[in-house]
C-alpha atoms as a PDB file:
ATOM      1  CA  MET A   1     197.882-142.055  36.055  1.00  0.00           C
ATOM      2  CA  THR A   2     200.548-139.955  34.367  1.00  0.00           C
ATOM      3  CA  PRO A   3     200.889-136.201  34.942  1.00  0.00           C
ATOM      4  CA  LEU A   4     199.616-135.594  31.383  1.00  0.00           C
ATOM      5  CA  VAL A   5     196.429-137.580  32.042  1.00  0.00           C
ATOM      6  CA  ALA A   6     195.963-135.837  35.394  1.00  0.00           C
ATOM      7  CA  ALA A   7     196.375-132.420  33.756  1.00  0.00           C
ATOM      8  CA  ALA A   8     193.792-133.321  31.103  1.00  0.00           C
ATOM      9  CA  VAL A   9     191.274-134.428  33.744  1.00  0.00           C
ATOM     10  CA  LEU A  10     191.849-131.294  35.825  1.00  0.00           C
ATOM     11  CA  LEU A  11     191.291-129.129  32.736  1.00  0.00           C
ATOM     12  CA  ALA A  12     188.104-131.113  32.115  1.00  0.00           C
ATOM     13  CA  ALA A  13     187.045-130.399  35.702  1.00  0.00           C
ATOM     14  CA  VAL A  14     187.403-126.640  35.244  1.00  0.00           C
ATOM     15  CA  THR A  15     185.583-126.748  31.904  1.00  0.00           C
ATOM     16  CA  HIS A  16     182.820-128.948  33.308  1.00  0.00           C
ATOM     17  CA  ALA A  17     182.142-126.641  36.236  1.00  0.00           C
ATOM     18  CA  SER A  18     182.006-123.722  33.810  1.00  0.00           C
ATOM     19  CA  TRP A  19     179.310-125.231  31.580  1.00  0.00           C
ATOM     20  CA  ASN A  20     177.296-126.286  34.622  1.00  0.00           C
ATOM     21  CA  ALA A  21     177.463-122.697  35.866  1.00  0.00           C
ATOM     22  CA  ILE A  22     176.171-121.519  32.481  1.00  0.00           C
ATOM     23  CA  ALA A  23     173.307-124.008  32.724  1.00  0.00           C
ATOM     24  CA  HIS A  24     172.493-122.747  36.209  1.00  0.00           C
ATOM     25  CA  ARG A  25     172.719-119.085  35.178  1.00  0.00           C
ATOM     26  CA  ILE A  26     170.008-119.459  32.522  1.00  0.00           C
ATOM     27  CA  THR A  27     166.860-119.146  34.613  1.00  0.00           C
ATOM     28  CA  ASP A  28     164.695-121.409  32.461  1.00  0.00           C
ATOM     29  CA  LYS A  29     166.501-124.729  32.859  1.00  0.00           C
ATOM     30  CA  LEU A  30     164.812-126.271  29.837  1.00  0.00           C
ATOM     31  CA  VAL A  31     166.112-123.407  27.681  1.00  0.00           C
ATOM     32  CA  GLY A  32     169.626-123.878  29.036  1.00  0.00           C
ATOM     33  CA  PHE A  33     169.740-127.620  28.545  1.00  0.00           C
ATOM     34  CA  THR A  34     168.060-127.423  25.140  1.00  0.00           C
ATOM     35  CA  LEU A  35     170.873-125.174  23.927  1.00  0.00           C
ATOM     36  CA  ILE A  36     173.663-127.108  25.624  1.00  0.00           C
ATOM     37  CA  SER A  37     172.400-130.556  24.681  1.00  0.00           C
ATOM     38  CA  GLY A  38     171.284-129.569  21.182  1.00  0.00           C
ATOM     39  CA  GLY A  39     174.480-127.624  20.569  1.00  0.00           C
ATOM     40  CA  GLY A  40     176.482-130.673  21.619  1.00  0.00           C
ATOM     41  CA  ALA A  41     174.526-132.802  19.141  1.00  0.00           C
ATOM     42  CA  LEU A  42     175.281-130.368  16.324  1.00  0.00           C
ATOM     43  CA  ILE A  43     178.984-130.358  17.231  1.00  0.00           C
ATOM     44  CA  GLY A  44     178.983-134.162  17.238  1.00  0.00           C
ATOM     45  CA  LEU A  45     177.185-134.247  13.894  1.00  0.00           C
ATOM     46  CA  ALA A  46     179.772-131.888  12.411  1.00  0.00           C
ATOM     47  CA  PHE A  47     182.604-134.156  13.595  1.00  0.00           C
ATOM     48  CA  THR A  48     181.202-137.511  12.391  1.00  0.00           C
ATOM     49  CA  PRO A  49     182.483-137.193   8.769  1.00  0.00           C
ATOM     50  CA  PHE A  50     186.002-136.506  10.011  1.00  0.00           C
ATOM     51  CA  THR A  51     186.353-139.115  12.762  1.00  0.00           C
ATOM     52  CA  PRO A  52     186.673-142.908  12.576  1.00  0.00           C
ATOM     53  CA  LEU A  53     183.519-144.925  13.081  1.00  0.00           C
ATOM     54  CA  PRO A  54     183.515-146.650  16.492  1.00  0.00           C
ATOM     55  CA  ALA A  55     184.086-150.408  16.403  1.00  0.00           C
ATOM     56  CA  ALA A  56     181.016-152.651  16.447  1.00  0.00           C
ATOM     57  CA  GLY A  57     181.550-153.617  20.085  1.00  0.00           C
ATOM     58  CA  ALA A  58     181.139-149.995  21.194  1.00  0.00           C
ATOM     59  CA  TRP A  59     177.595-149.447  19.882  1.00  0.00           C
ATOM     60  CA  PRO A  60     175.714-151.188  22.725  1.00  0.00           C
ATOM     61  CA  TYR A  61     177.649-148.984  25.159  1.00  0.00           C
ATOM     62  CA  LEU A  62     176.802-145.901  23.085  1.00  0.00           C
ATOM     63  CA  ALA A  63     173.087-146.730  23.132  1.00  0.00           C
ATOM     64  CA  LEU A  64     173.047-147.347  26.885  1.00  0.00           C
ATOM     65  CA  SER A  65     175.164-144.269  27.584  1.00  0.00           C
ATOM     66  CA  ALA A  66     172.828-142.067  25.532  1.00  0.00           C
ATOM     67  CA  ALA A  67     169.875-143.229  27.645  1.00  0.00           C
ATOM     68  CA  LEU A  68     171.816-142.629  30.871  1.00  0.00           C
ATOM     69  CA  HIS A  69     172.893-139.145  29.755  1.00  0.00           C
ATOM     70  CA  ILE A  70     169.295-138.205  28.956  1.00  0.00           C
ATOM     71  CA  ALA A  71     168.289-139.316  32.459  1.00  0.00           C
ATOM     72  CA  TYR A  72     171.259-137.343  33.833  1.00  0.00           C
ATOM     73  CA  TYR A  73     170.132-134.161  32.061  1.00  0.00           C
ATOM     74  CA  ALA A  74     166.597-134.543  33.432  1.00  0.00           C
ATOM     75  CA  LEU A  75     167.848-135.120  36.977  1.00  0.00           C
ATOM     76  CA  LEU A  76     170.372-132.288  36.781  1.00  0.00           C
ATOM     77  CA  MET A  77     167.696-129.865  35.598  1.00  0.00           C
ATOM     78  CA  ARG A  78     165.552-130.875  38.555  1.00  0.00           C
ATOM     79  CA  SER A  79     168.492-130.494  40.958  1.00  0.00           C
ATOM     80  CA  PHE A  80     169.202-126.971  39.712  1.00  0.00           C
ATOM     81  CA  ARG A  81     165.527-126.020  40.013  1.00  0.00           C
ATOM     82  CA  LEU A  82     165.273-127.236  43.594  1.00  0.00           C
ATOM     83  CA  GLY A  83     168.646-126.331  45.129  1.00  0.00           C
ATOM     84  CA  ASP A  84     171.412-123.721  45.093  1.00  0.00           C
ATOM     85  CA  PHE A  85     174.208-124.311  42.585  1.00  0.00           C
ATOM     86  CA  GLY A  86     176.752-124.443  45.423  1.00  0.00           C
ATOM     87  CA  GLN A  87     174.754-127.235  47.085  1.00  0.00           C
ATOM     88  CA  ALA A  88     173.250-129.243  44.204  1.00  0.00           C
ATOM     89  CA  TYR A  89     176.470-129.405  42.173  1.00  0.00           C
ATOM     90  CA  PRO A  90     178.726-130.738  44.990  1.00  0.00           C
ATOM     91  CA  ILE A  91     176.209-133.371  46.094  1.00  0.00           C
ATOM     92  CA  ALA A  92     175.630-134.584  42.540  1.00  0.00           C
ATOM     93  CA  ARG A  93     179.310-134.754  41.643  1.00  0.00           C
ATOM     94  CA  GLY A  94     180.641-135.798  45.051  1.00  0.00           C
ATOM     95  CA  SER A  95     178.420-138.841  45.401  1.00  0.00           C
ATOM     96  CA  ALA A  96     179.713-140.455  42.189  1.00  0.00           C
ATOM     97  CA  PRO A  97     183.418-141.430  42.670  1.00  0.00           C
ATOM     98  CA  LEU A  98     182.984-144.103  45.349  1.00  0.00           C
ATOM     99  CA  LEU A  99     180.155-145.680  43.370  1.00  0.00           C
ATOM    100  CA  VAL A 100     182.358-145.650  40.262  1.00  0.00           C
ATOM    101  CA  THR A 101     185.082-147.403  42.277  1.00  0.00           C
ATOM    102  CA  ALA A 102     182.664-150.180  43.233  1.00  0.00           C
ATOM    103  CA  LEU A 103     181.213-150.505  39.734  1.00  0.00           C
ATOM    104  CA  ALA A 104     184.667-150.579  38.119  1.00  0.00           C
ATOM    105  CA  ALA A 105     185.716-153.397  40.446  1.00  0.00           C
ATOM    106  CA  VAL A 106     182.629-155.450  39.578  1.00  0.00           C
ATOM    107  CA  PHE A 107     182.306-154.790  35.837  1.00  0.00           C
ATOM    108  CA  ALA A 108     185.804-153.762  34.694  1.00  0.00           C
ATOM    109  CA  ASP A 109     187.911-155.847  37.094  1.00  0.00           C
ATOM    110  CA  GLU A 110     189.746-152.680  38.151  1.00  0.00           C
ATOM    111  CA  TYR A 111     190.881-152.572  41.772  1.00  0.00           C
ATOM    112  CA  PRO A 112     192.737-149.512  43.033  1.00  0.00           C
ATOM    113  CA  ASP A 113     196.097-150.123  44.669  1.00  0.00           C
ATOM    114  CA  ALA A 114     196.753-148.870  48.184  1.00  0.00           C
ATOM    115  CA  TRP A 115     197.810-145.358  47.142  1.00  0.00           C
ATOM    116  CA  GLN A 116     194.987-144.949  44.658  1.00  0.00           C
ATOM    117  CA  GLY A 117     192.461-146.261  47.175  1.00  0.00           C
ATOM    118  CA  ALA A 118     193.712-143.835  49.803  1.00  0.00           C
ATOM    119  CA  GLY A 119     193.651-140.981  47.298  1.00  0.00           C
ATOM    120  CA  ILE A 120     190.095-141.759  46.212  1.00  0.00           C
ATOM    121  CA  ALA A 121     188.940-141.981  49.838  1.00  0.00           C
ATOM    122  CA  VAL A 122     190.649-138.711  50.827  1.00  0.00           C
ATOM    123  CA  ALA A 123     189.397-136.924  47.706  1.00  0.00           C
ATOM    124  CA  CYS A 124     185.842-138.107  48.390  1.00  0.00           C
ATOM    125  CA  ALA A 125     186.166-136.844  51.963  1.00  0.00           C
ATOM    126  CA  GLY A 126     187.034-133.412  50.599  1.00  0.00           C
ATOM    127  CA  LEU A 127     184.170-133.513  48.120  1.00  0.00           C
ATOM    128  CA  THR A 128     181.739-134.627  50.834  1.00  0.00           C
ATOM    129  CA  GLY A 129     182.949-131.745  52.983  1.00  0.00           C
ATOM    130  CA  VAL A 130     181.934-129.267  50.297  1.00  0.00           C
ATOM    131  CA  ALA A 131     178.528-130.907  49.943  1.00  0.00           C
ATOM    132  CA  LEU A 132     177.893-130.961  53.694  1.00  0.00           C
ATOM    133  CA  TRP A 133     178.950-127.323  53.996  1.00  0.00           C
ATOM    134  CA  GLY A 134     176.092-126.476  51.633  1.00  0.00           C
ATOM    135  CA  LEU A 135     173.671-127.958  54.200  1.00  0.00           C
ATOM    136  CA  ARG A 136     175.236-126.333  57.256  1.00  0.00           C
ATOM    137  CA  GLY A 137     172.890-124.052  59.148  1.00  0.00           C
ATOM    138  CA  HIS A 138     169.915-124.928  56.961  1.00  0.00           C
ATOM    139  CA  ARG A 139     167.081-127.365  57.266  1.00  0.00           C
ATOM    140  CA  PRO A 140     167.741-130.160  54.744  1.00  0.00           C
ATOM    141  CA  ASP A 141     165.786-129.720  51.517  1.00  0.00           C
ATOM    142  CA  TRP A 142     165.167-133.412  50.917  1.00  0.00           C
ATOM    143  CA  PRO A 143     163.647-133.176  47.417  1.00  0.00           C
ATOM    144  CA  ALA A 144     166.736-131.237  46.260  1.00  0.00           C
ATOM    145  CA  ILE A 145     169.107-133.646  48.030  1.00  0.00           C
ATOM    146  CA  VAL A 146     167.393-136.731  46.599  1.00  0.00           C
ATOM    147  CA  ALA A 147     167.481-135.244  43.088  1.00  0.00           C
ATOM    148  CA  ALA A 148     171.185-134.449  43.464  1.00  0.00           C
ATOM    149  CA  LEU A 149     171.969-137.956  44.760  1.00  0.00           C
ATOM    150  CA  ALA A 150     170.028-139.507  41.879  1.00  0.00           C
ATOM    151  CA  THR A 151     172.061-137.326  39.532  1.00  0.00           C
ATOM    152  CA  GLY A 152     175.219-138.706  41.150  1.00  0.00           C
ATOM    153  CA  ALA A 153     174.037-142.269  40.532  1.00  0.00           C
ATOM    154  CA  ALA A 154     173.430-141.449  36.861  1.00  0.00           C
ATOM    155  CA  ILE A 155     176.918-139.930  36.642  1.00  0.00           C
ATOM    156  CA  ALA A 156     178.484-143.081  38.080  1.00  0.00           C
ATOM    157  CA  ALA A 157     176.522-145.291  35.687  1.00  0.00           C
ATOM    158  CA  TYR A 158     177.416-143.411  32.509  1.00  0.00           C
ATOM    159  CA  THR A 159     181.038-143.024  33.662  1.00  0.00           C
ATOM    160  CA  LEU A 160     181.396-146.800  33.826  1.00  0.00           C
ATOM    161  CA  VAL A 161     179.535-147.408  30.560  1.00  0.00           C
ATOM    162  CA  ASP A 162     181.538-144.790  28.671  1.00  0.00           C
ATOM    163  CA  GLY A 163     184.825-145.979  30.137  1.00  0.00           C
ATOM    164  CA  LEU A 164     184.167-149.466  28.785  1.00  0.00           C
ATOM    165  CA  GLY A 165     182.639-148.156  25.562  1.00  0.00           C
ATOM    166  CA  VAL A 166     185.435-145.802  24.549  1.00  0.00           C
ATOM    167  CA  ARG A 167     187.986-148.565  25.111  1.00  0.00           C
ATOM    168  CA  ALA A 168     185.982-150.855  22.839  1.00  0.00           C
ATOM    169  CA  ALA A 169     185.512-148.114  20.230  1.00  0.00           C
ATOM    170  CA  GLY A 170     189.153-147.704  19.289  1.00  0.00           C
ATOM    171  CA  THR A 171     188.584-143.962  18.772  1.00  0.00           C
ATOM    172  CA  THR A 172     187.936-141.326  21.412  1.00  0.00           C
ATOM    173  CA  LEU A 173     186.766-138.641  18.982  1.00  0.00           C
ATOM    174  CA  GLY A 174     184.537-141.028  17.029  1.00  0.00           C
ATOM    175  CA  TYR A 175     182.929-142.323  20.227  1.00  0.00           C
ATOM    176  CA  MET A 176     182.383-138.785  21.524  1.00  0.00           C
ATOM    177  CA  ALA A 177     180.909-137.536  18.241  1.00  0.00           C
ATOM    178  CA  TRP A 178     178.347-140.337  18.007  1.00  0.00           C
ATOM    179  CA  LEU A 179     177.514-140.117  21.709  1.00  0.00           C
ATOM    180  CA  MET A 180     176.670-136.430  21.254  1.00  0.00           C
ATOM    181  CA  VAL A 181     174.473-137.254  18.254  1.00  0.00           C
ATOM    182  CA  LEU A 182     172.624-140.083  20.015  1.00  0.00           C
ATOM    183  CA  GLU A 183     171.988-138.248  23.269  1.00  0.00           C
ATOM    184  CA  GLY A 184     171.815-134.630  22.192  1.00  0.00           C
ATOM    185  CA  PHE A 185     168.494-134.331  20.387  1.00  0.00           C
ATOM    186  CA  ALA A 186     166.237-135.727  23.126  1.00  0.00           C
ATOM    187  CA  VAL A 187     165.966-132.521  25.182  1.00  0.00           C
ATOM    188  CA  PRO A 188     165.510-130.216  22.132  1.00  0.00           C
ATOM    189  CA  LEU A 189     162.784-132.500  20.743  1.00  0.00           C
ATOM    190  CA  TYR A 190     160.984-132.412  24.085  1.00  0.00           C
ATOM    191  CA  ALA A 191     161.311-128.613  24.138  1.00  0.00           C
ATOM    192  CA  LEU A 192     159.886-128.344  20.609  1.00  0.00           C
ATOM    193  CA  TRP A 193     156.896-130.432  21.655  1.00  0.00           C
ATOM    194  CA  ARG A 194     156.344-128.491  24.863  1.00  0.00           C
ATOM    195  CA  TRP A 195     156.720-124.972  23.474  1.00  0.00           C
ATOM    196  CA  ARG A 196     154.898-125.558  20.164  1.00  0.00           C
ATOM    197  CA  GLY A 197     155.930-122.622  17.996  1.00  0.00           C
ATOM    198  CA  GLU A 198     157.566-120.523  20.716  1.00  0.00           C
ATOM    199  CA  THR A 199     160.924-122.310  20.575  1.00  0.00           C
ATOM    200  CA  ALA A 200     162.897-119.653  18.669  1.00  0.00           C
ATOM    201  CA  ALA A 201     161.595-116.813  20.834  1.00  0.00           C
ATOM    202  CA  ARG A 202     162.544-118.674  24.018  1.00  0.00           C
ATOM    203  CA  LEU A 203     166.014-119.694  22.851  1.00  0.00           C
ATOM    204  CA  ARG A 204     167.130-116.507  21.090  1.00  0.00           C
ATOM    205  CA  PRO A 205     168.016-114.405  24.186  1.00  0.00           C
ATOM    206  CA  HIS A 206     170.338-117.127  25.508  1.00  0.00           C
ATOM    207  CA  LEU A 207     171.684-118.517  22.237  1.00  0.00           C
ATOM    208  CA  ARG A 208     175.323-117.430  22.543  1.00  0.00           C
ATOM    209  CA  LEU A 209     175.651-118.365  26.200  1.00  0.00           C
ATOM    210  CA  GLY A 210     173.984-121.732  25.670  1.00  0.00           C
ATOM    211  CA  LEU A 211     176.131-122.647  22.673  1.00  0.00           C
ATOM    212  CA  LEU A 212     179.243-121.683  24.627  1.00  0.00           C
ATOM    213  CA  GLY A 213     178.086-124.107  27.303  1.00  0.00           C
ATOM    214  CA  ALA A 214     177.641-126.786  24.622  1.00  0.00           C
ATOM    215  CA  ALA A 215     181.202-126.331  23.342  1.00  0.00           C
ATOM    216  CA  LEU A 216     182.611-126.447  26.867  1.00  0.00           C
ATOM    217  CA  SER A 217     180.582-129.582  27.632  1.00  0.00           C
ATOM    218  CA  VAL A 218     181.862-131.432  24.552  1.00  0.00           C
ATOM    219  CA  PHE A 219     185.462-130.392  25.198  1.00  0.00           C
ATOM    220  CA  ALA A 220     185.337-131.408  28.858  1.00  0.00           C
ATOM    221  CA  TYR A 221     183.906-134.855  28.222  1.00  0.00           C
ATOM    222  CA  THR A 222     186.252-135.550  25.324  1.00  0.00           C
ATOM    223  CA  LEU A 223     189.158-135.028  27.708  1.00  0.00           C
ATOM    224  CA  VAL A 224     187.577-137.400  30.231  1.00  0.00           C
ATOM    225  CA  LEU A 225     186.973-140.095  27.615  1.00  0.00           C
ATOM    226  CA  TRP A 226     190.573-139.814  26.427  1.00  0.00           C
ATOM    227  CA  ALA A 227     191.789-140.132  30.024  1.00  0.00           C
ATOM    228  CA  GLN A 228     189.641-143.238  30.532  1.00  0.00           C
ATOM    229  CA  THR A 229     191.547-144.976  27.727  1.00  0.00           C
ATOM    230  CA  ARG A 230     194.822-144.354  29.545  1.00  0.00           C
ATOM    231  CA  ALA A 231     194.037-144.771  33.250  1.00  0.00           C
ATOM    232  CA  ALA A 232     191.743-146.704  35.584  1.00  0.00           C
ATOM    233  CA  LEU A 233     188.158-145.443  35.791  1.00  0.00           C
ATOM    234  CA  ALA A 234     187.950-144.765  39.538  1.00  0.00           C
ATOM    235  CA  PRO A 235     190.930-142.369  39.860  1.00  0.00           C
ATOM    236  CA  VAL A 236     189.816-140.501  36.745  1.00  0.00           C
ATOM    237  CA  ALA A 237     186.297-140.154  38.197  1.00  0.00           C
ATOM    238  CA  ALA A 238     187.607-138.925  41.553  1.00  0.00           C
ATOM    239  CA  LEU A 239     190.007-136.448  39.966  1.00  0.00           C
ATOM    240  CA  ARG A 240     187.351-135.179  37.605  1.00  0.00           C
ATOM    241  CA  GLU A 241     185.135-134.275  40.529  1.00  0.00           C
ATOM    242  CA  SER A 242     187.630-131.641  41.622  1.00  0.00           C
ATOM    243  CA  SER A 243     185.236-129.590  39.484  1.00  0.00           C
ATOM    244  CA  ILE A 244     183.268-129.285  42.723  1.00  0.00           C
ATOM    245  CA  ILE A 245     185.832-126.883  44.137  1.00  0.00           C
ATOM    246  CA  VAL A 246     185.733-124.882  40.911  1.00  0.00           C
ATOM    247  CA  GLY A 247     181.947-124.960  41.062  1.00  0.00           C
ATOM    248  CA  ALA A 248     181.982-123.675  44.639  1.00  0.00           C
ATOM    249  CA  ALA A 249     184.271-120.820  43.609  1.00  0.00           C
ATOM    250  CA  ILE A 250     182.018-119.982  40.655  1.00  0.00           C
ATOM    251  CA  GLY A 251     179.002-120.059  42.967  1.00  0.00           C
ATOM    252  CA  ALA A 252     180.729-117.549  45.251  1.00  0.00           C
ATOM    253  CA  LEU A 253     181.894-115.238  42.452  1.00  0.00           C
ATOM    254  CA  LEU A 254     178.874-115.285  40.135  1.00  0.00           C
ATOM    255  CA  PHE A 255     175.920-116.268  42.290  1.00  0.00           C
ATOM    256  CA  ARG A 256     177.023-114.617  45.560  1.00  0.00           C
ATOM    257  CA  GLU A 257     177.014-117.893  47.464  1.00  0.00           C
ATOM    258  CA  ARG A 258     179.421-118.073  50.395  1.00  0.00           C
ATOM    259  CA  PHE A 259     182.680-119.965  49.905  1.00  0.00           C
ATOM    260  CA  GLY A 260     183.950-119.913  53.469  1.00  0.00           C
ATOM    261  CA  THR A 261     186.710-121.625  55.444  1.00  0.00           C
ATOM    262  CA  PRO A 262     185.134-125.126  55.327  1.00  0.00           C
ATOM    263  CA  ARG A 263     185.357-125.126  51.561  1.00  0.00           C
ATOM    264  CA  LEU A 264     188.982-124.000  51.707  1.00  0.00           C
ATOM    265  CA  VAL A 265     189.709-126.925  54.035  1.00  0.00           C
ATOM    266  CA  ALA A 266     187.812-129.287  51.736  1.00  0.00           C
ATOM    267  CA  ALA A 267     189.834-128.012  48.783  1.00  0.00           C
ATOM    268  CA  GLY A 268     193.055-128.707  50.676  1.00  0.00           C
ATOM    269  CA  VAL A 269     191.903-132.245  51.502  1.00  0.00           C
ATOM    270  CA  LEU A 270     191.066-132.781  47.848  1.00  0.00           C
ATOM    271  CA  VAL A 271     194.561-131.674  46.807  1.00  0.00           C
ATOM    272  CA  VAL A 272     196.053-134.216  49.213  1.00  0.00           C
ATOM    273  CA  GLY A 273     193.847-136.913  47.693  1.00  0.00           C
ATOM    274  CA  ILE A 274     194.995-135.973  44.206  1.00  0.00           C
ATOM    275  CA  GLY A 275     198.598-136.182  45.331  1.00  0.00           C
ATOM    276  CA  LEU A 276     198.037-139.683  46.687  1.00  0.00           C
ATOM    277  CA  MET A 277     196.412-140.837  43.455  1.00  0.00           C
ATOM    278  CA  LEU A 278     199.445-139.625  41.498  1.00  0.00           C
ATOM    279  CA  THR A 279     201.945-141.309  43.844  1.00  0.00           C
END
């Protein structure tokens, strides 16, 4: 992983945590994800005339990824309903990198070298520390934890599928544009059916914030897809989840959730892991 790729993934991490915070800030989660998902679909639709069409071999990956992303949105909405942002976000994101490492070895024949393996392990230790801190002093809320872990499994699955798909596509922007189109209308269509004539009234108060979240979401994932064409999947996945530290900071600043010394320690461990991955 070159410094340029690492910088792109770190920027994606900051952007990703920001759109997740927007989604959490909008009280009605269906409103938030309707705007973010639907806005992403409109952005993708606007880009399709100006980007190359993905190669034929990428379309099965696009179809599967769209289904996995829809499941991810549903699980993430449930996680945010049940748990605090500072707890649900770290568990969901922190549980994914090790699973991606295993999946990449099985399906992509990618095995981390000693330094990368150590970096992934250390980074995951830091991420797990943030997640466990969210449980400290509280009785475990198992429905919230299970929803967050299921979200992490969906993240790992679509990370692998998209890593293979974007490599087969021959175009990062074309793959991203069509992925947004294929996945993005499911949540808005469900919202239209559920609200039946009240859609505009529900969306209007949060329109600007939700569309900002959509733009941030598209930008963040485009950076990740580009990185996956230039580096192994597992280190990219682990580095991307540094968004957890950003998410914890956002939770402290915007939602008045404690950051605390354990999270500072976890952030330091994560930095060490990143350094090892770049060795």
